[in-house]
N, C-alpha and C. Protein backbone atom coordinates (compact mmCIF):
# COMPACT_ATOMS: atom_id res chain seq x y z
N MET A 1 -38.33 -51.35 -7.75
CA MET A 1 -38.28 -51.80 -6.37
C MET A 1 -37.15 -52.79 -6.15
N GLN A 2 -36.87 -53.60 -7.19
CA GLN A 2 -35.77 -54.57 -7.07
C GLN A 2 -34.44 -53.85 -6.91
N GLU A 3 -34.27 -52.77 -7.65
CA GLU A 3 -33.01 -52.03 -7.57
C GLU A 3 -32.84 -51.37 -6.21
N VAL A 4 -33.91 -50.85 -5.65
CA VAL A 4 -33.85 -50.25 -4.31
C VAL A 4 -33.48 -51.32 -3.29
N ARG A 5 -34.12 -52.48 -3.38
CA ARG A 5 -33.76 -53.58 -2.46
C ARG A 5 -32.28 -53.95 -2.58
N LYS A 6 -31.80 -54.01 -3.80
CA LYS A 6 -30.40 -54.36 -4.03
C LYS A 6 -29.47 -53.31 -3.42
N MET A 7 -29.80 -52.03 -3.60
CA MET A 7 -28.97 -50.96 -3.04
C MET A 7 -28.99 -50.98 -1.52
N GLN A 8 -30.13 -51.33 -0.94
CA GLN A 8 -30.23 -51.41 0.51
C GLN A 8 -29.43 -52.60 1.06
N ALA A 9 -29.50 -53.71 0.36
CA ALA A 9 -28.84 -54.93 0.85
C ALA A 9 -27.34 -54.93 0.58
N ASP A 10 -26.96 -54.59 -0.65
CA ASP A 10 -25.56 -54.70 -1.06
C ASP A 10 -24.85 -53.37 -1.25
N GLY A 11 -25.61 -52.33 -1.48
CA GLY A 11 -25.01 -51.03 -1.79
C GLY A 11 -24.49 -51.03 -3.22
N PRO A 12 -24.13 -49.87 -3.72
CA PRO A 12 -23.60 -49.79 -5.08
C PRO A 12 -22.17 -50.31 -5.13
N SER A 13 -21.74 -50.71 -6.31
CA SER A 13 -20.35 -51.18 -6.45
C SER A 13 -19.40 -49.99 -6.39
N GLU A 14 -18.18 -50.28 -6.04
CA GLU A 14 -17.13 -49.24 -5.99
C GLU A 14 -16.98 -48.59 -7.35
N ASP A 15 -17.03 -49.39 -8.42
CA ASP A 15 -16.89 -48.87 -9.77
C ASP A 15 -18.02 -47.91 -10.12
N LEU A 16 -19.25 -48.26 -9.78
CA LEU A 16 -20.40 -47.40 -10.05
C LEU A 16 -20.26 -46.07 -9.32
N VAL A 17 -19.85 -46.11 -8.07
CA VAL A 17 -19.68 -44.90 -7.27
C VAL A 17 -18.58 -44.03 -7.89
N ASN A 18 -17.47 -44.63 -8.27
CA ASN A 18 -16.37 -43.86 -8.85
C ASN A 18 -16.76 -43.21 -10.17
N ARG A 19 -17.51 -43.94 -11.01
CA ARG A 19 -17.96 -43.36 -12.28
C ARG A 19 -18.92 -42.21 -12.03
N ALA A 20 -19.82 -42.36 -11.07
CA ALA A 20 -20.77 -41.29 -10.74
C ALA A 20 -20.03 -40.07 -10.19
N LYS A 21 -19.03 -40.30 -9.36
CA LYS A 21 -18.25 -39.19 -8.81
C LYS A 21 -17.50 -38.44 -9.90
N GLU A 22 -16.92 -39.15 -10.84
CA GLU A 22 -16.20 -38.50 -11.94
C GLU A 22 -17.15 -37.69 -12.80
N THR A 23 -18.33 -38.21 -13.07
CA THR A 23 -19.32 -37.49 -13.85
C THR A 23 -19.76 -36.23 -13.10
N ALA A 24 -20.00 -36.35 -11.81
CA ALA A 24 -20.41 -35.19 -11.01
C ALA A 24 -19.32 -34.11 -11.01
N LYS A 25 -18.07 -34.52 -10.90
CA LYS A 25 -16.97 -33.55 -10.91
C LYS A 25 -16.87 -32.84 -12.25
N ARG A 26 -16.99 -33.58 -13.35
CA ARG A 26 -16.94 -32.96 -14.69
C ARG A 26 -18.10 -31.98 -14.87
N ASN A 27 -19.29 -32.37 -14.46
CA ASN A 27 -20.44 -31.48 -14.56
C ASN A 27 -20.26 -30.22 -13.71
N TYR A 28 -19.67 -30.39 -12.54
CA TYR A 28 -19.42 -29.26 -11.66
C TYR A 28 -18.39 -28.31 -12.28
N GLU A 29 -17.33 -28.86 -12.84
CA GLU A 29 -16.31 -28.03 -13.48
C GLU A 29 -16.90 -27.22 -14.63
N THR A 30 -17.79 -27.83 -15.38
CA THR A 30 -18.45 -27.12 -16.48
C THR A 30 -19.39 -26.05 -15.92
N ALA A 31 -20.15 -26.38 -14.90
CA ALA A 31 -21.12 -25.46 -14.33
C ALA A 31 -20.46 -24.21 -13.75
N LEU A 32 -19.26 -24.37 -13.19
CA LEU A 32 -18.56 -23.24 -12.60
C LEU A 32 -18.30 -22.12 -13.60
N LYS A 33 -18.30 -22.45 -14.88
CA LYS A 33 -18.02 -21.47 -15.93
C LYS A 33 -19.28 -20.77 -16.43
N GLN A 34 -20.43 -21.10 -15.83
CA GLN A 34 -21.70 -20.56 -16.32
C GLN A 34 -22.35 -19.66 -15.27
N ASN A 35 -22.74 -18.48 -15.71
CA ASN A 35 -23.38 -17.53 -14.80
C ASN A 35 -24.66 -18.07 -14.20
N SER A 36 -25.42 -18.83 -14.98
CA SER A 36 -26.69 -19.36 -14.48
C SER A 36 -26.48 -20.28 -13.28
N TYR A 37 -25.37 -21.04 -13.30
CA TYR A 37 -25.07 -21.92 -12.16
C TYR A 37 -24.84 -21.08 -10.90
N TRP A 38 -24.01 -20.04 -11.04
CA TRP A 38 -23.69 -19.20 -9.89
C TRP A 38 -24.94 -18.50 -9.36
N LEU A 39 -25.77 -18.00 -10.25
CA LEU A 39 -26.98 -17.33 -9.83
C LEU A 39 -27.89 -18.29 -9.06
N SER A 40 -28.07 -19.47 -9.60
CA SER A 40 -28.91 -20.48 -8.95
C SER A 40 -28.36 -20.88 -7.58
N ARG A 41 -27.08 -21.16 -7.52
CA ARG A 41 -26.47 -21.59 -6.25
C ARG A 41 -26.50 -20.48 -5.20
N LEU A 42 -26.24 -19.22 -5.63
CA LEU A 42 -26.28 -18.11 -4.68
C LEU A 42 -27.71 -17.89 -4.16
N GLN A 43 -28.69 -18.07 -5.03
CA GLN A 43 -30.08 -17.96 -4.57
C GLN A 43 -30.40 -19.07 -3.55
N THR A 44 -29.93 -20.26 -3.82
CA THR A 44 -30.20 -21.38 -2.93
C THR A 44 -29.56 -21.19 -1.56
N VAL A 45 -28.28 -20.80 -1.53
CA VAL A 45 -27.63 -20.61 -0.22
C VAL A 45 -28.28 -19.46 0.54
N HIS A 46 -28.75 -18.44 -0.18
CA HIS A 46 -29.45 -17.33 0.49
C HIS A 46 -30.79 -17.82 1.04
N LEU A 47 -31.54 -18.57 0.24
CA LEU A 47 -32.84 -19.07 0.65
C LEU A 47 -32.75 -19.92 1.92
N PHE A 48 -31.72 -20.77 2.01
CA PHE A 48 -31.57 -21.66 3.15
C PHE A 48 -30.61 -21.11 4.21
N ASP A 49 -30.25 -19.84 4.07
CA ASP A 49 -29.37 -19.16 5.03
C ASP A 49 -28.08 -19.96 5.29
N GLN A 50 -27.45 -20.37 4.19
CA GLN A 50 -26.21 -21.14 4.27
C GLN A 50 -25.02 -20.25 3.93
N ASP A 51 -23.84 -20.75 4.19
CA ASP A 51 -22.60 -20.06 3.86
C ASP A 51 -22.31 -20.21 2.37
N PRO A 52 -22.15 -19.11 1.62
CA PRO A 52 -21.85 -19.21 0.19
C PRO A 52 -20.55 -19.95 -0.11
N ALA A 53 -19.67 -20.07 0.87
CA ALA A 53 -18.42 -20.80 0.67
C ALA A 53 -18.67 -22.28 0.39
N LEU A 54 -19.85 -22.78 0.73
CA LEU A 54 -20.18 -24.18 0.45
C LEU A 54 -20.13 -24.48 -1.05
N ILE A 55 -20.40 -23.47 -1.85
CA ILE A 55 -20.44 -23.67 -3.30
C ILE A 55 -19.11 -24.20 -3.82
N VAL A 56 -18.02 -23.65 -3.34
CA VAL A 56 -16.71 -24.04 -3.87
C VAL A 56 -16.14 -25.29 -3.21
N HIS A 57 -16.86 -25.86 -2.26
CA HIS A 57 -16.40 -27.08 -1.60
C HIS A 57 -17.15 -28.31 -2.07
N ARG A 58 -17.81 -28.20 -3.19
CA ARG A 58 -18.61 -29.32 -3.69
C ARG A 58 -17.75 -30.54 -4.01
N VAL A 59 -16.56 -30.34 -4.55
CA VAL A 59 -15.70 -31.48 -4.89
C VAL A 59 -15.38 -32.30 -3.64
N GLU A 60 -15.18 -31.63 -2.53
CA GLU A 60 -14.91 -32.34 -1.27
C GLU A 60 -16.11 -33.20 -0.87
N ARG A 61 -17.31 -32.66 -1.06
CA ARG A 61 -18.51 -33.43 -0.72
C ARG A 61 -18.69 -34.61 -1.68
N ILE A 62 -18.35 -34.40 -2.94
CA ILE A 62 -18.42 -35.50 -3.91
C ILE A 62 -17.42 -36.59 -3.53
N ASP A 63 -16.20 -36.19 -3.20
CA ASP A 63 -15.17 -37.16 -2.83
C ASP A 63 -15.53 -37.95 -1.57
N ALA A 64 -16.36 -37.38 -0.71
CA ALA A 64 -16.73 -38.04 0.55
C ALA A 64 -17.71 -39.19 0.33
N LEU A 65 -18.33 -39.28 -0.85
CA LEU A 65 -19.28 -40.37 -1.11
C LEU A 65 -18.58 -41.71 -1.15
N THR A 66 -19.19 -42.70 -0.50
CA THR A 66 -18.67 -44.06 -0.51
C THR A 66 -19.83 -45.02 -0.75
N PRO A 67 -19.53 -46.22 -1.19
CA PRO A 67 -20.61 -47.21 -1.33
C PRO A 67 -21.40 -47.40 -0.03
N ALA A 68 -20.70 -47.40 1.10
CA ALA A 68 -21.37 -47.60 2.39
C ALA A 68 -22.29 -46.42 2.72
N SER A 69 -21.85 -45.19 2.46
CA SER A 69 -22.70 -44.04 2.77
C SER A 69 -23.93 -44.02 1.88
N LEU A 70 -23.78 -44.41 0.63
CA LEU A 70 -24.92 -44.47 -0.28
C LEU A 70 -25.89 -45.59 0.13
N GLN A 71 -25.35 -46.71 0.58
CA GLN A 71 -26.20 -47.80 1.05
C GLN A 71 -27.03 -47.33 2.24
N GLU A 72 -26.42 -46.64 3.17
CA GLU A 72 -27.15 -46.11 4.33
C GLU A 72 -28.21 -45.10 3.90
N THR A 73 -27.90 -44.31 2.88
CA THR A 73 -28.87 -43.35 2.36
C THR A 73 -30.09 -44.06 1.79
N PHE A 74 -29.85 -45.13 1.05
CA PHE A 74 -30.98 -45.90 0.51
C PHE A 74 -31.82 -46.51 1.63
N LYS A 75 -31.18 -46.98 2.68
CA LYS A 75 -31.93 -47.55 3.80
C LYS A 75 -32.77 -46.49 4.51
N LYS A 76 -32.21 -45.31 4.64
CA LYS A 76 -32.88 -44.24 5.39
C LYS A 76 -34.01 -43.59 4.59
N TYR A 77 -33.76 -43.27 3.32
CA TYR A 77 -34.70 -42.46 2.55
C TYR A 77 -35.60 -43.23 1.59
N PHE A 78 -35.39 -44.51 1.45
CA PHE A 78 -36.22 -45.33 0.56
C PHE A 78 -36.75 -46.56 1.29
N PRO A 79 -37.54 -46.34 2.36
CA PRO A 79 -38.07 -47.50 3.08
C PRO A 79 -39.03 -48.29 2.19
N MET A 80 -38.95 -49.60 2.27
CA MET A 80 -39.75 -50.45 1.40
C MET A 80 -41.24 -50.44 1.75
N ASP A 81 -41.59 -49.94 2.92
CA ASP A 81 -43.00 -49.91 3.30
C ASP A 81 -43.68 -48.58 2.95
N ARG A 82 -42.94 -47.65 2.30
CA ARG A 82 -43.52 -46.37 1.89
C ARG A 82 -43.10 -46.06 0.46
N TYR A 83 -44.05 -46.08 -0.43
CA TYR A 83 -43.77 -45.71 -1.81
C TYR A 83 -45.06 -45.33 -2.49
N THR A 84 -44.95 -44.68 -3.64
CA THR A 84 -46.11 -44.24 -4.39
C THR A 84 -46.09 -44.90 -5.76
N VAL A 85 -47.24 -45.40 -6.16
CA VAL A 85 -47.40 -45.98 -7.49
C VAL A 85 -48.17 -44.98 -8.33
N VAL A 86 -47.61 -44.61 -9.47
CA VAL A 86 -48.22 -43.63 -10.36
C VAL A 86 -48.51 -44.29 -11.69
N THR A 87 -49.71 -44.06 -12.20
CA THR A 87 -50.09 -44.58 -13.50
C THR A 87 -50.38 -43.41 -14.44
N LEU A 88 -49.68 -43.33 -15.54
CA LEU A 88 -49.93 -42.28 -16.52
C LEU A 88 -51.05 -42.71 -17.44
N MET A 89 -52.04 -41.85 -17.57
CA MET A 89 -53.18 -42.12 -18.42
C MET A 89 -53.16 -41.16 -19.61
N PRO A 90 -53.52 -41.61 -20.80
CA PRO A 90 -53.56 -40.68 -21.93
C PRO A 90 -54.64 -39.63 -21.72
N ALA A 91 -54.36 -38.43 -22.21
CA ALA A 91 -55.32 -37.34 -22.07
C ALA A 91 -56.55 -37.62 -22.91
N PRO A 92 -57.73 -37.31 -22.39
CA PRO A 92 -58.95 -37.53 -23.18
C PRO A 92 -58.97 -36.57 -24.38
N LYS A 93 -59.56 -37.04 -25.46
CA LYS A 93 -59.61 -36.20 -26.66
C LYS A 93 -60.91 -35.47 -26.77
């Protein structure tokens, strides 16, 4: 919860965002060479009735990320008054 508050108040650092973007780009470049990636992405765009051309524009979407846009995302999708607490219990023997 502390980290969510921090992201909402200050947003991520420029360095953190740049490192995450570089990692995402490397993972994407690797995924492009795998049939399973293409099959999964084509199924997803078909399921949501999207344009398959979106698949090859992922780098542009990655580059569009900024600390400010991520901060706004944390404010919008992680409200502090709505959360779930989960407790893992060991299975009975």
